Amino acid sequence: MDSIRSKIKRRLQRFIELDVNGLRSFILSKFLDTKEITVDELHTSITKKYDISRSAIASMVGYIYSKIGVLRSHKESYKTPIVYSLKEEYVDLIKKALESKTSNSAA
């Protein structure tokens, strides 16, 4: 179990290291702030700060979901959008990774 956490921690750190404009950190912090969110809701809140397309947001959420593995998805029916939420067991890893990003950029 611990080896999975360490793999996810490495993937998360690598994902945040490539964050040049703060968008990746902003998306992860949005997931920390809200319990559940759809791609459309995320796009609406992100476009207030960044100029980015809905498909780019969907792609990034898909990457976080499939490659990093810290998100859970849920769909009520085939007509409703997919709702994403953070897996509770990885909230502390995300907080630490975001804190280290802000402390490294401040230094």
N, C-alpha and C. Protein backbone atom coordinates (compact mmCIF):
# COMPACT_ATOMS: atom_id res chain seq x y z
N MET A 1 0.83 -1.20 0.00
CA MET A 1 0.00 0.00 0.00
C MET A 1 0.87 1.25 0.00
N ASP A 2 1.93 1.21 0.77
CA ASP A 2 2.79 2.38 0.86
C ASP A 2 3.51 2.64 -0.46
N SER A 3 3.80 1.58 -1.21
CA SER A 3 4.48 1.78 -2.49
C SER A 3 3.57 2.49 -3.48
N ILE A 4 2.28 2.26 -3.41
CA ILE A 4 1.33 2.96 -4.28
C ILE A 4 1.31 4.44 -3.92
N ARG A 5 1.30 4.75 -2.62
CA ARG A 5 1.34 6.15 -2.18
C ARG A 5 2.62 6.84 -2.65
N SER A 6 3.73 6.14 -2.59
CA SER A 6 4.99 6.76 -3.02
C SER A 6 5.01 6.98 -4.53
N LYS A 7 4.42 6.07 -5.29
CA LYS A 7 4.33 6.25 -6.74
C LYS A 7 3.44 7.44 -7.07
N ILE A 8 2.31 7.53 -6.39
CA ILE A 8 1.39 8.65 -6.62
C ILE A 8 2.04 9.96 -6.21
N LYS A 9 2.79 9.94 -5.12
CA LYS A 9 3.49 11.15 -4.68
C LYS A 9 4.50 11.61 -5.73
N ARG A 10 5.25 10.68 -6.31
CA ARG A 10 6.21 11.02 -7.37
C ARG A 10 5.50 11.58 -8.60
N ARG A 11 4.42 10.93 -9.01
CA ARG A 11 3.66 11.41 -10.17
C ARG A 11 3.11 12.81 -9.93
N LEU A 12 2.62 13.03 -8.73
CA LEU A 12 2.05 14.33 -8.37
C LEU A 12 3.13 15.41 -8.36
N GLN A 13 4.27 15.11 -7.81
CA GLN A 13 5.38 16.07 -7.79
C GLN A 13 5.83 16.41 -9.20
N ARG A 14 5.92 15.41 -10.07
CA ARG A 14 6.33 15.64 -11.45
C ARG A 14 5.29 16.49 -12.18
N PHE A 15 4.02 16.22 -11.92
CA PHE A 15 2.92 16.98 -12.53
C PHE A 15 2.99 18.45 -12.13
N ILE A 16 3.25 18.71 -10.85
CA ILE A 16 3.31 20.09 -10.35
C ILE A 16 4.60 20.78 -10.78
N GLU A 17 5.70 20.04 -10.90
CA GLU A 17 6.96 20.64 -11.35
C GLU A 17 6.83 21.23 -12.75
N LEU A 18 6.00 20.64 -13.59
CA LEU A 18 5.82 21.12 -14.96
C LEU A 18 4.80 22.26 -15.05
N ASP A 19 4.35 22.73 -13.92
CA ASP A 19 3.36 23.80 -13.86
C ASP A 19 4.04 25.16 -14.04
N VAL A 20 4.01 25.68 -15.27
CA VAL A 20 4.71 26.94 -15.54
C VAL A 20 3.86 28.17 -15.26
N ASN A 21 2.55 28.06 -15.46
CA ASN A 21 1.70 29.24 -15.29
C ASN A 21 0.74 29.14 -14.11
N GLY A 22 0.83 28.09 -13.31
CA GLY A 22 -0.01 27.96 -12.13
C GLY A 22 -1.34 27.27 -12.37
N LEU A 23 -1.62 26.88 -13.60
CA LEU A 23 -2.91 26.26 -13.92
C LEU A 23 -3.08 24.90 -13.25
N ARG A 24 -2.06 24.09 -13.28
CA ARG A 24 -2.15 22.75 -12.68
C ARG A 24 -2.39 22.85 -11.18
N SER A 25 -1.67 23.74 -10.52
CA SER A 25 -1.86 23.93 -9.08
C SER A 25 -3.25 24.47 -8.79
N PHE A 26 -3.74 25.35 -9.67
CA PHE A 26 -5.07 25.92 -9.49
C PHE A 26 -6.13 24.84 -9.59
N ILE A 27 -5.99 23.93 -10.55
CA ILE A 27 -6.95 22.83 -10.70
C ILE A 27 -6.93 21.92 -9.48
N LEU A 28 -5.75 21.57 -9.01
CA LEU A 28 -5.65 20.71 -7.83
C LEU A 28 -6.23 21.39 -6.60
N SER A 29 -5.99 22.70 -6.46
CA SER A 29 -6.54 23.41 -5.31
C SER A 29 -8.06 23.51 -5.41
N LYS A 30 -8.60 23.59 -6.62
CA LYS A 30 -10.06 23.59 -6.80
C LYS A 30 -10.65 22.28 -6.31
N PHE A 31 -9.96 21.18 -6.61
CA PHE A 31 -10.44 19.88 -6.13
C PHE A 31 -10.35 19.80 -4.61
N LEU A 32 -9.37 20.44 -4.01
CA LEU A 32 -9.27 20.47 -2.55
C LEU A 32 -10.41 21.30 -1.95
N ASP A 33 -10.77 22.40 -2.62
CA ASP A 33 -11.81 23.29 -2.10
C ASP A 33 -13.22 22.70 -2.23
N THR A 34 -13.49 22.07 -3.36
CA THR A 34 -14.83 21.52 -3.59
C THR A 34 -14.79 20.01 -3.45
N LYS A 35 -15.83 19.46 -2.90
CA LYS A 35 -15.88 18.02 -2.72
C LYS A 35 -16.08 17.30 -4.06
N GLU A 36 -17.01 17.81 -4.87
CA GLU A 36 -17.31 17.20 -6.17
C GLU A 36 -17.43 18.31 -7.20
N ILE A 37 -16.95 18.04 -8.42
CA ILE A 37 -17.01 19.06 -9.46
C ILE A 37 -17.02 18.38 -10.83
N THR A 38 -17.73 18.99 -11.77
CA THR A 38 -17.73 18.50 -13.15
C THR A 38 -16.73 19.31 -13.96
N VAL A 39 -16.44 18.86 -15.16
CA VAL A 39 -15.51 19.58 -16.02
C VAL A 39 -16.09 20.96 -16.37
N ASP A 40 -17.39 21.03 -16.62
CA ASP A 40 -18.01 22.33 -16.95
C ASP A 40 -17.91 23.32 -15.80
N GLU A 41 -18.16 22.86 -14.57
CA GLU A 41 -18.04 23.74 -13.41
C GLU A 41 -16.60 24.19 -13.21
N LEU A 42 -15.67 23.27 -13.42
CA LEU A 42 -14.26 23.60 -13.29
C LEU A 42 -13.85 24.60 -14.37
N HIS A 43 -14.32 24.40 -15.57
CA HIS A 43 -14.00 25.33 -16.67
C HIS A 43 -14.54 26.72 -16.38
N THR A 44 -15.74 26.80 -15.85
CA THR A 44 -16.33 28.10 -15.52
C THR A 44 -15.49 28.84 -14.49
N SER A 45 -15.03 28.15 -13.48
CA SER A 45 -14.24 28.83 -12.45
C SER A 45 -12.81 29.14 -12.92
N ILE A 46 -12.26 28.31 -13.79
CA ILE A 46 -10.89 28.54 -14.25
C ILE A 46 -10.82 29.67 -15.27
N THR A 47 -11.84 29.82 -16.11
CA THR A 47 -11.78 30.85 -17.15
C THR A 47 -11.86 32.26 -16.57
N LYS A 48 -12.19 32.38 -15.29
CA LYS A 48 -12.14 33.70 -14.66
C LYS A 48 -10.70 34.16 -14.48
N LYS A 49 -9.78 33.21 -14.40
CA LYS A 49 -8.37 33.53 -14.15
C LYS A 49 -7.47 33.20 -15.35
N TYR A 50 -7.79 32.15 -16.10
CA TYR A 50 -6.97 31.69 -17.21
C TYR A 50 -7.80 31.65 -18.50
N ASP A 51 -7.12 31.85 -19.62
CA ASP A 51 -7.76 31.72 -20.92
C ASP A 51 -7.46 30.32 -21.44
N ILE A 52 -8.40 29.40 -21.24
CA ILE A 52 -8.18 28.00 -21.60
C ILE A 52 -9.49 27.38 -22.06
N SER A 53 -9.40 26.45 -23.00
CA SER A 53 -10.60 25.83 -23.55
C SER A 53 -11.13 24.74 -22.63
N ARG A 54 -12.39 24.40 -22.83
CA ARG A 54 -13.02 23.35 -22.05
C ARG A 54 -12.35 22.00 -22.31
N SER A 55 -11.99 21.75 -23.56
CA SER A 55 -11.36 20.47 -23.90
C SER A 55 -9.98 20.33 -23.24
N ALA A 56 -9.26 21.44 -23.09
CA ALA A 56 -7.96 21.39 -22.41
C ALA A 56 -8.15 21.06 -20.92
N ILE A 57 -9.20 21.62 -20.32
CA ILE A 57 -9.51 21.31 -18.92
C ILE A 57 -9.90 19.84 -18.79
N ALA A 58 -10.75 19.37 -19.70
CA ALA A 58 -11.17 17.97 -19.67
C ALA A 58 -9.99 17.03 -19.84
N SER A 59 -9.06 17.41 -20.69
CA SER A 59 -7.86 16.60 -20.90
C SER A 59 -7.01 16.55 -19.64
N MET A 60 -6.85 17.67 -18.99
CA MET A 60 -6.03 17.72 -17.78
C MET A 60 -6.69 16.94 -16.63
N VAL A 61 -8.00 17.05 -16.51
CA VAL A 61 -8.72 16.29 -15.48
C VAL A 61 -8.60 14.79 -15.77
N GLY A 62 -8.72 14.42 -17.05
CA GLY A 62 -8.56 13.02 -17.43
C GLY A 62 -7.18 12.49 -17.11
N TYR A 63 -6.18 13.33 -17.31
CA TYR A 63 -4.80 12.94 -16.97
C TYR A 63 -4.65 12.74 -15.47
N ILE A 64 -5.18 13.67 -14.69
CA ILE A 64 -5.10 13.56 -13.22
C ILE A 64 -5.82 12.30 -12.76
N TYR A 65 -6.97 12.00 -13.40
CA TYR A 65 -7.76 10.84 -13.03
C TYR A 65 -7.05 9.53 -13.39
N SER A 66 -6.55 9.44 -14.62
CA SER A 66 -6.03 8.16 -15.09
C SER A 66 -4.55 7.94 -14.77
N LYS A 67 -3.72 8.95 -14.92
CA LYS A 67 -2.28 8.75 -14.75
C LYS A 67 -1.80 8.98 -13.32
N ILE A 68 -2.32 10.00 -12.68
CA ILE A 68 -1.88 10.27 -11.30
C ILE A 68 -2.67 9.41 -10.33
N GLY A 69 -3.97 9.29 -10.54
CA GLY A 69 -4.77 8.37 -9.75
C GLY A 69 -5.31 8.91 -8.45
N VAL A 70 -5.49 10.23 -8.35
CA VAL A 70 -5.99 10.80 -7.10
C VAL A 70 -7.46 11.19 -7.17
N LEU A 71 -8.09 10.98 -8.33
CA LEU A 71 -9.50 11.35 -8.49
C LEU A 71 -10.38 10.11 -8.58
N ARG A 72 -11.62 10.32 -8.21
CA ARG A 72 -12.67 9.32 -8.33
C ARG A 72 -13.72 9.93 -9.25
N SER A 73 -14.34 9.11 -10.09
CA SER A 73 -15.39 9.64 -10.98
C SER A 73 -16.70 8.92 -10.70
N HIS A 74 -17.77 9.63 -10.96
CA HIS A 74 -19.11 9.09 -10.70
C HIS A 74 -20.07 9.68 -11.73
N LYS A 75 -20.96 8.84 -12.23
CA LYS A 75 -21.95 9.30 -13.21
C LYS A 75 -23.30 8.70 -12.84
N GLU A 76 -24.30 9.57 -12.63
CA GLU A 76 -25.63 9.10 -12.24
C GLU A 76 -26.29 8.27 -13.34
N SER A 77 -26.34 8.84 -14.54
CA SER A 77 -26.91 8.14 -15.68
C SER A 77 -26.17 8.58 -16.93
N TYR A 78 -26.52 7.99 -18.05
CA TYR A 78 -25.81 8.33 -19.28
C TYR A 78 -26.07 9.77 -19.72
N LYS A 79 -27.09 10.40 -19.20
CA LYS A 79 -27.43 11.78 -19.58
C LYS A 79 -26.69 12.82 -18.74
N THR A 80 -26.21 12.45 -17.59
CA THR A 80 -25.58 13.42 -16.68
C THR A 80 -24.07 13.45 -16.91
N PRO A 81 -23.45 14.59 -16.60
CA PRO A 81 -21.98 14.67 -16.76
C PRO A 81 -21.26 13.89 -15.65
N ILE A 82 -20.03 13.56 -15.92
CA ILE A 82 -19.20 12.85 -14.93
C ILE A 82 -18.82 13.83 -13.82
N VAL A 83 -18.98 13.38 -12.60
CA VAL A 83 -18.62 14.18 -11.43
C VAL A 83 -17.32 13.62 -10.86
N TYR A 84 -16.33 14.48 -10.70
CA TYR A 84 -15.02 14.07 -10.18
C TYR A 84 -14.87 14.54 -8.74
N SER A 85 -14.21 13.73 -7.94
CA SER A 85 -13.90 14.11 -6.56
C SER A 85 -12.54 13.52 -6.19
N LEU A 86 -11.91 14.13 -5.20
CA LEU A 86 -10.62 13.64 -4.72
C LEU A 86 -10.81 12.40 -3.87
N LYS A 87 -9.90 11.47 -4.00
CA LYS A 87 -9.88 10.33 -3.09
C LYS A 87 -9.33 10.83 -1.77
N GLU A 88 -10.05 10.60 -0.70
CA GLU A 88 -9.71 11.14 0.61
C GLU A 88 -8.31 10.73 1.08
N GLU A 89 -7.87 9.53 0.70
CA GLU A 89 -6.58 9.06 1.19
C GLU A 89 -5.39 9.80 0.57
N TYR A 90 -5.64 10.64 -0.47
CA TYR A 90 -4.55 11.37 -1.11
C TYR A 90 -4.63 12.88 -0.91
N VAL A 91 -5.55 13.35 -0.11
CA VAL A 91 -5.70 14.78 0.14
C VAL A 91 -4.43 15.34 0.78
N ASP A 92 -3.85 14.62 1.73
CA ASP A 92 -2.64 15.10 2.39
C ASP A 92 -1.46 15.18 1.43
N LEU A 93 -1.35 14.25 0.49
CA LEU A 93 -0.27 14.30 -0.51
C LEU A 93 -0.40 15.52 -1.40
N ILE A 94 -1.62 15.83 -1.79
CA ILE A 94 -1.85 16.98 -2.67
C ILE A 94 -1.55 18.28 -1.92
N LYS A 95 -1.99 18.36 -0.67
CA LYS A 95 -1.71 19.57 0.12
C LYS A 95 -0.21 19.78 0.28
N LYS A 96 0.52 18.71 0.59
CA LYS A 96 1.97 18.82 0.76
C LYS A 96 2.65 19.22 -0.55
N ALA A 97 2.21 18.64 -1.65
CA ALA A 97 2.82 18.95 -2.95
C ALA A 97 2.57 20.40 -3.33
N LEU A 98 1.35 20.90 -3.07
CA LEU A 98 1.04 22.29 -3.38
C LEU A 98 1.80 23.25 -2.46
N GLU A 99 1.94 22.88 -1.19
CA GLU A 99 2.69 23.71 -0.25
C GLU A 99 4.17 23.79 -0.63
N SER A 100 4.73 22.67 -1.06
CA SER A 100 6.14 22.68 -1.46
C SER A 100 6.33 23.48 -2.74
N LYS A 101 5.33 23.48 -3.61
CA LYS A 101 5.40 24.28 -4.84
C LYS A 101 5.41 25.76 -4.49
N THR A 102 4.54 26.20 -3.58
CA THR A 102 4.49 27.61 -3.22
C THR A 102 5.73 28.03 -2.43
N SER A 103 6.25 27.15 -1.59
CA SER A 103 7.44 27.51 -0.83
C SER A 103 8.68 27.53 -1.74
N ASN A 104 8.72 26.67 -2.75
CA ASN A 104 9.84 26.68 -3.70
C ASN A 104 9.79 27.90 -4.60
N SER A 105 8.59 28.33 -5.01
CA SER A 105 8.49 29.48 -5.88
C SER A 105 8.72 30.79 -5.11
N ALA A 106 8.47 30.77 -3.81
CA ALA A 106 8.69 31.97 -3.01
C ALA A 106 10.17 32.16 -2.67
N ALA A 107 10.90 31.07 -2.64
CA ALA A 107 12.33 31.14 -2.28
C ALA A 107 13.19 31.62 -3.42
